[in-house]
């Protein structure tokens, strides 16, 4: 029996078992058995086969007819620019995942050294592909599967990257290390209920650990985002692969964990597949927030608490009338304090914080009444009325400006 006859029989068997590309699969499998290339095989179809070759070929065709993925039978899969060793302990690399590599390379400068973390590395194809193109960068890949880590180490050794890459067997929740410039992740994102609807070759042969995203498909995504928020540097990038219909919730979780969404990339089918985000400083308005919280802590607690007891060493009562226990104290600075709090109120209003503005106005009114009660100073009263009138005008104009901006 020659190679052509052998291929024809194999194609017919694969067709009867609904294999999509029976001709190509048969040629690739026979090439593997013969330890030759597909091109050389097609040039020697008239050559006779041995009984041992036929036996081996029949065995691999039987595996393929049972829907075992071709990549697992061949033992390798091409991804990006490299052929990676794969086995049934790792997910088979998909063309859609190449988007992560492309986006990572877009954000890594060639002449700069980046520290990269790959969460759920599997075969290591994503991290290895990035490091092959960025010679100065280094990376760490982690995975919960010990067999997957062994597979990734094999690929790193084949690509001669052992000196710049390290693979660690670890759960993300138990992983603690330095801060990273870039984090990549293709986490499991298929809901437990949808696993049964996957194609037979995926459902029966690829590792469930790399597919199961929990009850709703978000548990691993959320876990990766929350952990990445602690492991990534400020202004570092998180590039995350997601599934169909998971964009909005994933973006919401990213924002809640201090990430700014830079871009959403689509896969070959036009589906939102990859989110590129940047870790930002959550307290962007720290100075204003700190001033506001400090004022409310010291002001509201002293002035607005129910009851007549006042804070120790404080000259203010806690009643709603804001009366001072010692009206004479600070009377000489009343006009300055009125001016100070009026200016602070104007500044707060211009920043859009009406609550803080009202609190400052209450302080200004408080000190004006102190001066009036102590001295009956008409000049201060006149000046205060003028400042309040001026402020009311500026308040209305500021609110008008703010409304125009909105």
Protein backbone atom coordinates (compact mmCIF):
# COMPACT_ATOMS: atom_id res chain seq x y z
CA UNK A 1 0.00 0.00 0.00
CA UNK A 2 1.40 3.40 -0.95
CA UNK A 3 1.04 6.73 0.87
CA UNK A 4 -1.75 7.92 -1.41
CA UNK A 5 -3.96 4.90 -0.67
CA UNK A 6 -3.22 5.23 3.02
CA UNK A 7 -4.27 8.87 2.97
CA UNK A 8 -7.48 8.13 1.03
CA UNK A 9 -8.58 5.53 3.60
CA UNK A 10 -7.81 7.93 6.45
CA UNK A 11 -9.77 10.78 4.85
CA UNK A 12 -12.84 8.57 4.43
CA UNK A 13 -12.71 7.52 8.09
CA UNK A 14 -12.35 11.07 9.35
CA UNK A 15 -15.18 12.26 7.12
CA UNK A 16 -17.49 9.58 8.52
CA UNK A 17 -16.73 10.96 12.01
CA UNK A 18 -17.49 14.59 11.03
CA UNK A 19 -13.91 15.87 11.21
CA UNK A 20 -13.83 19.32 9.57
CA UNK A 21 -10.52 19.11 7.66
CA UNK A 22 -9.98 15.39 7.05
CA UNK A 23 -7.53 15.81 4.18
CA UNK A 24 -5.20 18.25 5.93
CA UNK A 25 -5.36 16.35 9.22
CA UNK A 26 -4.50 13.07 7.49
CA UNK A 27 -1.49 14.60 5.74
CA UNK A 28 -0.16 16.19 8.92
CA UNK A 29 -0.60 12.99 10.93
CA UNK A 30 1.10 10.84 8.30
CA UNK A 31 3.96 13.35 8.14
CA UNK A 32 4.40 12.97 11.90
CA UNK A 33 4.44 9.17 11.69
CA UNK A 34 7.01 9.27 8.87
CA UNK A 35 9.10 11.97 10.61
CA UNK A 36 9.04 14.13 7.51
CA UNK A 37 7.45 17.35 6.31
CA UNK A 38 4.11 17.61 4.64
CA UNK A 39 5.76 18.99 1.50
CA UNK A 40 8.07 16.00 1.15
CA UNK A 41 5.18 13.64 1.78
CA UNK A 42 3.13 15.13 -1.05
CA UNK A 43 6.10 14.71 -3.40
CA UNK A 44 6.38 10.99 -2.60
CA UNK A 45 2.78 9.74 -2.52
CA UNK A 46 3.62 6.72 -4.69
CA UNK A 47 6.11 5.41 -2.16
CA UNK A 48 5.23 2.15 -0.43
CA UNK A 49 4.53 2.14 3.31
CA UNK A 50 5.75 -0.43 5.79
CA UNK A 51 3.47 -2.43 8.06
CA UNK A 52 4.87 -0.64 11.12
CA UNK A 53 4.20 2.78 9.59
CA UNK A 54 0.66 1.74 8.68
CA UNK A 55 0.02 0.49 12.22
CA UNK A 56 1.19 3.76 13.78
CA UNK A 57 -0.80 5.80 11.30
CA UNK A 58 -3.99 3.82 11.90
CA UNK A 59 -3.57 4.44 15.64
CA UNK A 60 -3.32 8.25 15.33
CA UNK A 61 -6.20 8.34 12.83
CA UNK A 62 -8.31 6.44 15.35
CA UNK A 63 -7.51 9.07 18.01
CA UNK A 64 -8.43 11.87 15.64
CA UNK A 65 -11.68 10.18 14.65
CA UNK A 66 -12.64 10.28 18.35
CA UNK A 67 -12.30 14.09 18.17
CA UNK A 68 -9.02 14.30 20.03
CA UNK A 69 -7.53 17.70 19.10
CA UNK A 70 -4.93 17.55 16.35
CA UNK A 71 -2.50 19.67 18.40
CA UNK A 72 -2.46 17.09 21.20
CA UNK A 73 -1.76 14.25 18.76
CA UNK A 74 0.97 16.17 16.96
CA UNK A 75 2.34 17.46 20.27
CA UNK A 76 2.74 21.05 19.08
CA UNK A 77 0.82 24.14 18.05
CA UNK A 78 1.93 27.24 16.18
CA UNK A 79 1.29 30.54 17.98
CA UNK A 80 2.44 34.04 17.02
CA UNK A 81 5.80 33.28 15.35
CA UNK A 82 6.73 30.09 17.20
CA UNK A 83 5.82 26.42 17.34
CA UNK A 84 5.04 25.46 20.97
CA UNK A 85 5.05 22.06 22.61
CA UNK A 86 1.59 21.27 24.04
CA UNK A 87 -0.05 18.39 25.82
CA UNK A 88 -3.43 17.72 27.42
CA UNK A 89 -2.40 19.54 30.64
CA UNK A 90 -2.47 22.94 28.91
CA UNK A 91 -4.99 24.83 26.83
CA UNK A 92 -4.27 24.80 23.10
CA UNK A 93 -3.13 28.31 22.05
CA UNK A 94 -5.77 30.14 19.99
CA UNK A 95 -5.27 32.79 17.30
CA UNK A 96 -7.54 35.15 19.26
CA UNK A 97 -5.08 35.11 22.17
CA UNK A 98 -2.40 36.54 19.88
CA UNK A 99 -4.14 39.90 20.49
CA UNK A 100 -2.62 39.91 24.01
CA UNK A 101 0.85 39.52 22.54
CA UNK A 102 0.24 42.25 19.97
CA UNK A 103 -1.05 44.73 22.56
CA UNK A 104 1.77 43.89 24.97
CA UNK A 105 4.39 44.57 22.31
CA UNK A 106 2.68 47.87 21.50
CA UNK A 107 3.17 49.01 25.11
CA UNK A 108 6.73 47.73 25.68
CA UNK A 109 9.55 49.92 24.42
CA UNK A 110 12.32 47.97 22.70
CA UNK A 111 15.14 49.73 24.58
CA UNK A 112 13.58 49.45 28.06
CA UNK A 113 13.59 46.59 30.56
CA UNK A 114 10.12 45.59 31.76
CA UNK A 115 9.18 43.22 34.55
CA UNK A 116 6.28 41.13 33.22
CA UNK A 117 3.92 38.75 35.02
CA UNK A 118 1.80 36.16 33.19
CA UNK A 119 -1.07 34.88 35.34
CA UNK A 120 -2.32 31.43 34.29
CA UNK A 121 0.58 30.93 31.90
CA UNK A 122 -0.36 27.44 30.65
CA UNK A 123 2.09 26.50 27.90
CA UNK A 124 3.87 29.84 28.38
CA UNK A 125 3.09 30.86 24.80
CA UNK A 126 2.02 34.44 25.65
CA UNK A 127 4.98 35.34 27.85
CA UNK A 128 7.55 33.56 25.67
CA UNK A 129 6.23 35.29 22.53
CA UNK A 130 6.54 38.70 24.18
CA UNK A 131 10.04 38.10 25.54
CA UNK A 132 11.30 36.81 22.19
CA UNK A 133 10.49 40.20 20.65
CA UNK A 134 11.60 42.33 23.63
CA UNK A 135 15.14 41.21 24.37
CA UNK A 136 15.72 43.42 27.45
CA UNK A 137 12.60 42.45 29.39
CA UNK A 138 12.19 39.65 31.92
CA UNK A 139 9.14 37.74 33.06
CA UNK A 140 7.52 35.36 35.51
CA UNK A 141 4.72 32.96 34.64
CA UNK A 142 2.54 31.33 37.28
CA UNK A 143 -0.02 28.57 37.02
CA UNK A 144 -1.99 26.44 39.45
CA UNK A 145 -1.22 23.32 37.39
CA UNK A 146 2.13 21.67 38.06
CA UNK A 147 2.00 19.85 34.70
CA UNK A 148 1.37 23.13 32.90
CA UNK A 149 4.45 24.67 34.54
CA UNK A 150 6.52 21.71 33.39
CA UNK A 151 5.22 22.20 29.83
CA UNK A 152 6.00 25.95 29.95
CA UNK A 153 9.55 25.29 31.17
CA UNK A 154 10.07 22.93 28.24
CA UNK A 155 9.01 25.64 25.79
CA UNK A 156 11.25 28.23 27.47
CA UNK A 157 14.20 25.87 27.19
CA UNK A 158 13.53 25.20 23.52
CA UNK A 159 13.38 28.95 22.84
CA UNK A 160 16.54 29.52 24.94
CA UNK A 161 14.88 31.95 27.34
CA UNK A 162 15.71 30.29 30.67
CA UNK A 163 17.87 33.24 31.72
CA UNK A 164 15.05 35.79 31.30
CA UNK A 165 11.98 33.82 32.29
CA UNK A 166 10.87 31.91 35.36
CA UNK A 167 7.83 29.69 35.77
CA UNK A 168 6.36 29.13 39.23
CA UNK A 169 3.76 26.64 40.38
CA UNK A 170 1.46 28.82 42.48
CA UNK A 171 -2.13 29.90 43.03
CA UNK A 172 -2.59 33.61 42.36
CA UNK A 173 -3.96 34.12 45.88
CA UNK A 174 -0.75 32.74 47.37
CA UNK A 175 1.62 34.61 45.06
CA UNK A 176 3.51 37.55 46.55
CA UNK A 177 6.32 39.25 44.72
CA UNK A 178 7.67 42.60 43.56
CA UNK A 179 5.71 45.15 41.58
CA UNK A 180 5.40 44.59 37.83
CA UNK A 181 5.38 46.97 34.87
CA UNK A 182 3.04 44.74 32.86
CA UNK A 183 0.65 41.94 33.78
CA UNK A 184 -0.82 39.60 31.17
CA UNK A 185 -3.59 37.10 31.76
CA UNK A 186 -5.89 34.81 29.84
CA UNK A 187 -7.93 33.47 32.79
CA UNK A 188 -10.67 30.84 32.60
CA UNK A 189 -13.85 32.74 31.71
CA UNK A 190 -16.41 30.13 30.59
CA UNK A 191 -19.26 29.72 33.04
CA UNK A 192 -19.73 26.32 34.60
CA UNK A 193 -23.18 26.03 33.02
CA UNK A 194 -21.82 26.65 29.51
CA UNK A 195 -19.03 24.07 29.67
CA UNK A 196 -21.40 21.39 28.41
CA UNK A 197 -22.11 23.40 25.26
CA UNK A 198 -18.47 23.43 24.15
CA UNK A 199 -17.47 21.34 21.15
CA UNK A 200 -16.67 17.71 21.84
CA UNK A 201 -12.92 18.03 21.22
CA UNK A 202 -12.66 20.87 23.77
CA UNK A 203 -15.09 19.45 26.31
CA UNK A 204 -13.56 15.97 26.41
CA UNK A 205 -9.85 16.69 26.01
CA UNK A 206 -8.77 20.18 27.06
CA UNK A 207 -8.18 20.79 30.81
CA UNK A 208 -11.30 21.93 32.64
CA UNK A 209 -9.09 23.86 35.07
CA UNK A 210 -8.12 26.19 32.22
CA UNK A 211 -11.72 26.68 31.06
CA UNK A 212 -13.96 26.82 34.13
CA UNK A 213 -14.57 30.43 35.16
CA UNK A 214 -16.97 29.61 37.98
CA UNK A 215 -20.74 29.78 38.16
CA UNK A 216 -21.09 32.98 36.11
CA UNK A 217 -17.70 32.98 34.37
CA UNK A 218 -16.38 35.98 36.34
CA UNK A 219 -14.79 34.45 39.42
CA UNK A 220 -11.31 34.04 37.90
CA UNK A 221 -11.48 37.38 36.06
CA UNK A 222 -12.31 39.25 39.27
CA UNK A 223 -9.64 37.34 41.17
CA UNK A 224 -6.99 38.27 38.60
CA UNK A 225 -8.01 41.95 38.60
CA UNK A 226 -8.03 42.26 42.39
CA UNK A 227 -4.66 40.52 42.76
CA UNK A 228 -3.14 42.46 39.86
CA UNK A 229 -4.13 45.70 41.56
CA UNK A 230 -1.73 44.80 44.38
CA UNK A 231 1.07 43.42 42.22
CA UNK A 232 1.26 46.08 39.52
CA UNK A 233 3.14 49.38 39.63
CA UNK A 234 1.37 52.72 39.38
CA UNK A 235 0.98 53.46 35.65
CA UNK A 236 1.61 49.78 34.92
CA UNK A 237 -0.49 48.01 32.29
CA UNK A 238 -2.89 45.10 32.78
CA UNK A 239 -3.84 43.30 29.56
CA UNK A 240 -6.69 40.89 30.13
CA UNK A 241 -8.52 38.47 27.84
CA UNK A 242 -12.27 38.11 28.40
CA UNK A 243 -15.14 36.12 26.93
CA UNK A 244 -18.22 37.08 24.95
CA UNK A 245 -20.53 39.50 26.80
CA UNK A 246 -18.12 40.06 29.70
CA UNK A 247 -16.90 43.55 28.78
CA UNK A 248 -19.11 45.82 30.90
CA UNK A 249 -18.78 43.97 34.20
CA UNK A 250 -15.04 43.44 33.70
CA UNK A 251 -14.55 47.17 33.07
CA UNK A 252 -16.56 47.98 36.19
CA UNK A 253 -14.39 45.71 38.34
CA UNK A 254 -11.24 47.20 36.80
CA UNK A 255 -12.34 50.74 37.68
CA UNK A 256 -13.26 49.69 41.22
CA UNK A 257 -9.71 48.39 41.63
CA UNK A 258 -8.00 51.56 40.43
CA UNK A 259 -7.57 50.84 36.72
CA UNK A 260 -8.20 53.24 33.87
CA UNK A 261 -9.50 51.63 30.66
CA UNK A 262 -7.22 52.53 27.76
CA UNK A 263 -8.55 50.34 24.99
CA UNK A 264 -10.76 47.38 24.13
CA UNK A 265 -9.53 45.14 21.29
CA UNK A 266 -11.71 42.84 19.21
CA UNK A 267 -10.81 39.37 18.03
CA UNK A 268 -10.94 38.00 14.47
CA UNK A 269 -14.72 37.56 14.76
CA UNK A 270 -15.27 41.17 15.90
CA UNK A 271 -15.97 40.18 19.53
CA UNK A 272 -14.58 42.25 22.42
CA UNK A 273 -11.72 40.06 23.52
CA UNK A 274 -8.98 42.08 25.22
CA UNK A 275 -9.01 44.97 27.72
CA UNK A 276 -5.94 47.17 28.08
CA UNK A 277 -5.94 49.15 31.32
CA UNK A 278 -3.55 51.28 33.39
CA UNK A 279 -3.17 51.28 37.15
CA UNK A 280 -3.76 54.81 38.42
CA UNK A 281 -3.54 56.49 41.83
CA UNK A 282 -7.02 56.05 43.28
CA UNK A 283 -6.86 59.18 45.50
CA UNK A 284 -6.37 61.56 42.60
CA UNK A 285 -7.93 64.41 44.63
CA UNK A 286 -6.22 63.43 47.84
CA UNK A 287 -5.55 67.01 48.98
CA UNK A 288 -9.16 68.13 48.60
CA UNK A 289 -10.54 64.90 50.06
CA UNK A 290 -8.16 65.11 53.01
CA UNK A 291 -9.09 68.76 53.71
CA UNK A 292 -12.79 67.94 53.45
CA UNK A 293 -12.59 64.90 55.71
CA UNK A 294 -10.47 66.76 58.27
CA UNK A 295 -12.96 69.64 58.36
CA UNK A 296 -15.94 67.34 58.75
CA UNK A 297 -14.21 65.32 61.43
CA UNK A 298 -13.28 68.35 63.55
CA UNK A 299 -16.19 70.59 62.58
CA UNK A 300 -19.27 68.42 62.36
CA UNK A 301 -18.39 66.42 65.45
CA UNK A 302 -17.93 69.57 67.51
CA UNK A 303 -20.88 71.55 66.20
CA UNK A 304 -23.58 69.09 65.23
CA UNK A 305 -23.54 66.34 67.79
CA UNK A 306 -26.76 66.17 69.82
CA UNK A 307 -26.50 67.15 73.48
CA UNK A 308 -24.96 69.98 75.43
CA UNK A 309 -21.54 68.47 76.22
CA UNK A 310 -18.65 69.96 74.35
CA UNK A 311 -15.36 68.44 73.31
CA UNK A 312 -12.57 68.61 75.88
CA UNK A 313 -10.56 71.86 75.57
CA UNK A 314 -13.03 73.17 73.00
CA UNK A 315 -14.65 76.59 73.25
CA UNK A 316 -17.75 75.53 71.30
CA UNK A 317 -20.98 74.01 72.52
CA UNK A 318 -22.69 71.25 70.58
CA UNK A 319 -26.09 72.90 70.34
CA UNK A 320 -27.65 73.91 67.06
CA UNK A 321 -27.22 77.64 67.87
CA UNK A 322 -23.38 77.42 67.60
CA UNK A 323 -22.94 79.55 70.74
CA UNK A 324 -19.45 79.98 72.11
CA UNK A 325 -18.62 79.16 75.73
CA UNK A 326 -16.08 81.94 75.80
CA UNK A 327 -17.36 84.68 73.45
CA UNK A 328 -14.36 86.94 74.11
CA UNK A 329 -11.73 84.54 72.80
CA UNK A 330 -10.53 85.16 69.24
CA UNK A 331 -12.76 88.25 69.04
CA UNK A 332 -9.80 90.33 67.88
CA UNK A 333 -9.38 87.99 64.88
CA UNK A 334 -13.07 87.77 64.01
CA UNK A 335 -12.88 89.95 60.91
CA UNK A 336 -9.93 87.96 59.58
CA UNK A 337 -11.69 84.68 60.25
CA UNK A 338 -14.84 85.90 58.55
CA UNK A 339 -12.80 86.85 55.51
CA UNK A 340 -10.89 83.57 55.60
CA UNK A 341 -13.97 81.34 55.75
CA UNK A 342 -15.79 83.39 53.13
CA UNK A 343 -12.87 82.95 50.76
CA UNK A 344 -12.73 79.23 51.50
CA UNK A 345 -16.46 78.98 50.82
CA UNK A 346 -16.01 80.71 47.47
CA UNK A 347 -13.14 78.40 46.57
CA UNK A 348 -15.12 75.27 47.52
CA UNK A 349 -18.09 76.41 45.46
CA UNK A 350 -15.89 77.05 42.44
CA UNK A 351 -14.65 73.45 42.79
CA UNK A 352 -18.25 72.22 42.78
CA UNK A 353 -18.40 71.24 46.46
CA UNK A 354 -21.53 72.99 47.73
CA UNK A 355 -21.61 71.06 51.01
CA UNK A 356 -18.15 72.21 52.01
CA UNK A 357 -19.00 75.73 50.87
CA UNK A 358 -22.07 75.85 53.13
CA UNK A 359 -20.02 74.62 56.09
CA UNK A 360 -17.47 77.38 55.58
CA UNK A 361 -20.27 79.96 55.37
CA UNK A 362 -21.65 78.71 58.68
CA UNK A 363 -18.24 79.33 60.20
CA UNK A 364 -18.14 82.84 58.77
CA UNK A 365 -21.62 83.53 60.16
CA UNK A 366 -20.60 82.08 63.52
CA UNK A 367 -17.68 84.47 63.93
CA UNK A 368 -19.73 87.43 62.78
CA UNK A 369 -22.25 86.74 65.57
CA UNK A 370 -19.43 86.41 68.11
CA UNK A 371 -18.17 89.86 67.20
CA UNK A 372 -21.65 91.32 67.26
CA UNK A 373 -22.48 89.84 70.68
CA UNK A 374 -19.19 90.87 72.26
CA UNK A 375 -18.68 94.37 70.96
CA UNK A 376 -21.73 95.28 68.95
CA UNK A 377 -19.30 96.29 66.24
CA UNK A 378 -21.37 97.83 63.45
CA UNK A 379 -18.40 98.11 61.13
CA UNK A 380 -17.81 94.37 61.22
CA UNK A 381 -21.53 93.80 60.71
CA UNK A 382 -21.52 96.16 57.75
CA UNK A 383 -18.43 94.50 56.29
CA UNK A 384 -19.91 91.07 56.88
CA UNK A 385 -23.17 92.01 55.15
CA UNK A 386 -21.19 93.34 52.22
CA UNK A 387 -19.06 90.16 52.02
CA UNK A 388 -22.14 87.94 52.21
CA UNK A 389 -23.82 90.04 49.50
CA UNK A 390 -20.70 89.87 47.31
CA UNK A 391 -20.42 86.17 47.92
CA UNK A 392 -24.09 85.61 47.01
CA UNK A 393 -23.47 87.35 43.69
CA UNK A 394 -20.32 85.32 43.04
CA UNK A 395 -22.16 82.17 44.12
CA UNK A 396 -24.91 82.68 41.59
CA UNK A 397 -22.40 83.49 38.85
CA UNK A 398 -20.26 80.46 39.78
CA UNK A 399 -23.26 78.17 39.78
CA UNK A 400 -24.22 79.57 36.39
CA UNK A 401 -20.71 78.87 35.10
CA UNK A 402 -20.80 75.38 36.53
CA UNK A 403 -24.16 74.68 34.93
CA UNK A 404 -22.77 75.89 31.60
CA UNK A 405 -19.82 73.56 31.99
CA UNK A 406 -22.10 70.62 32.76
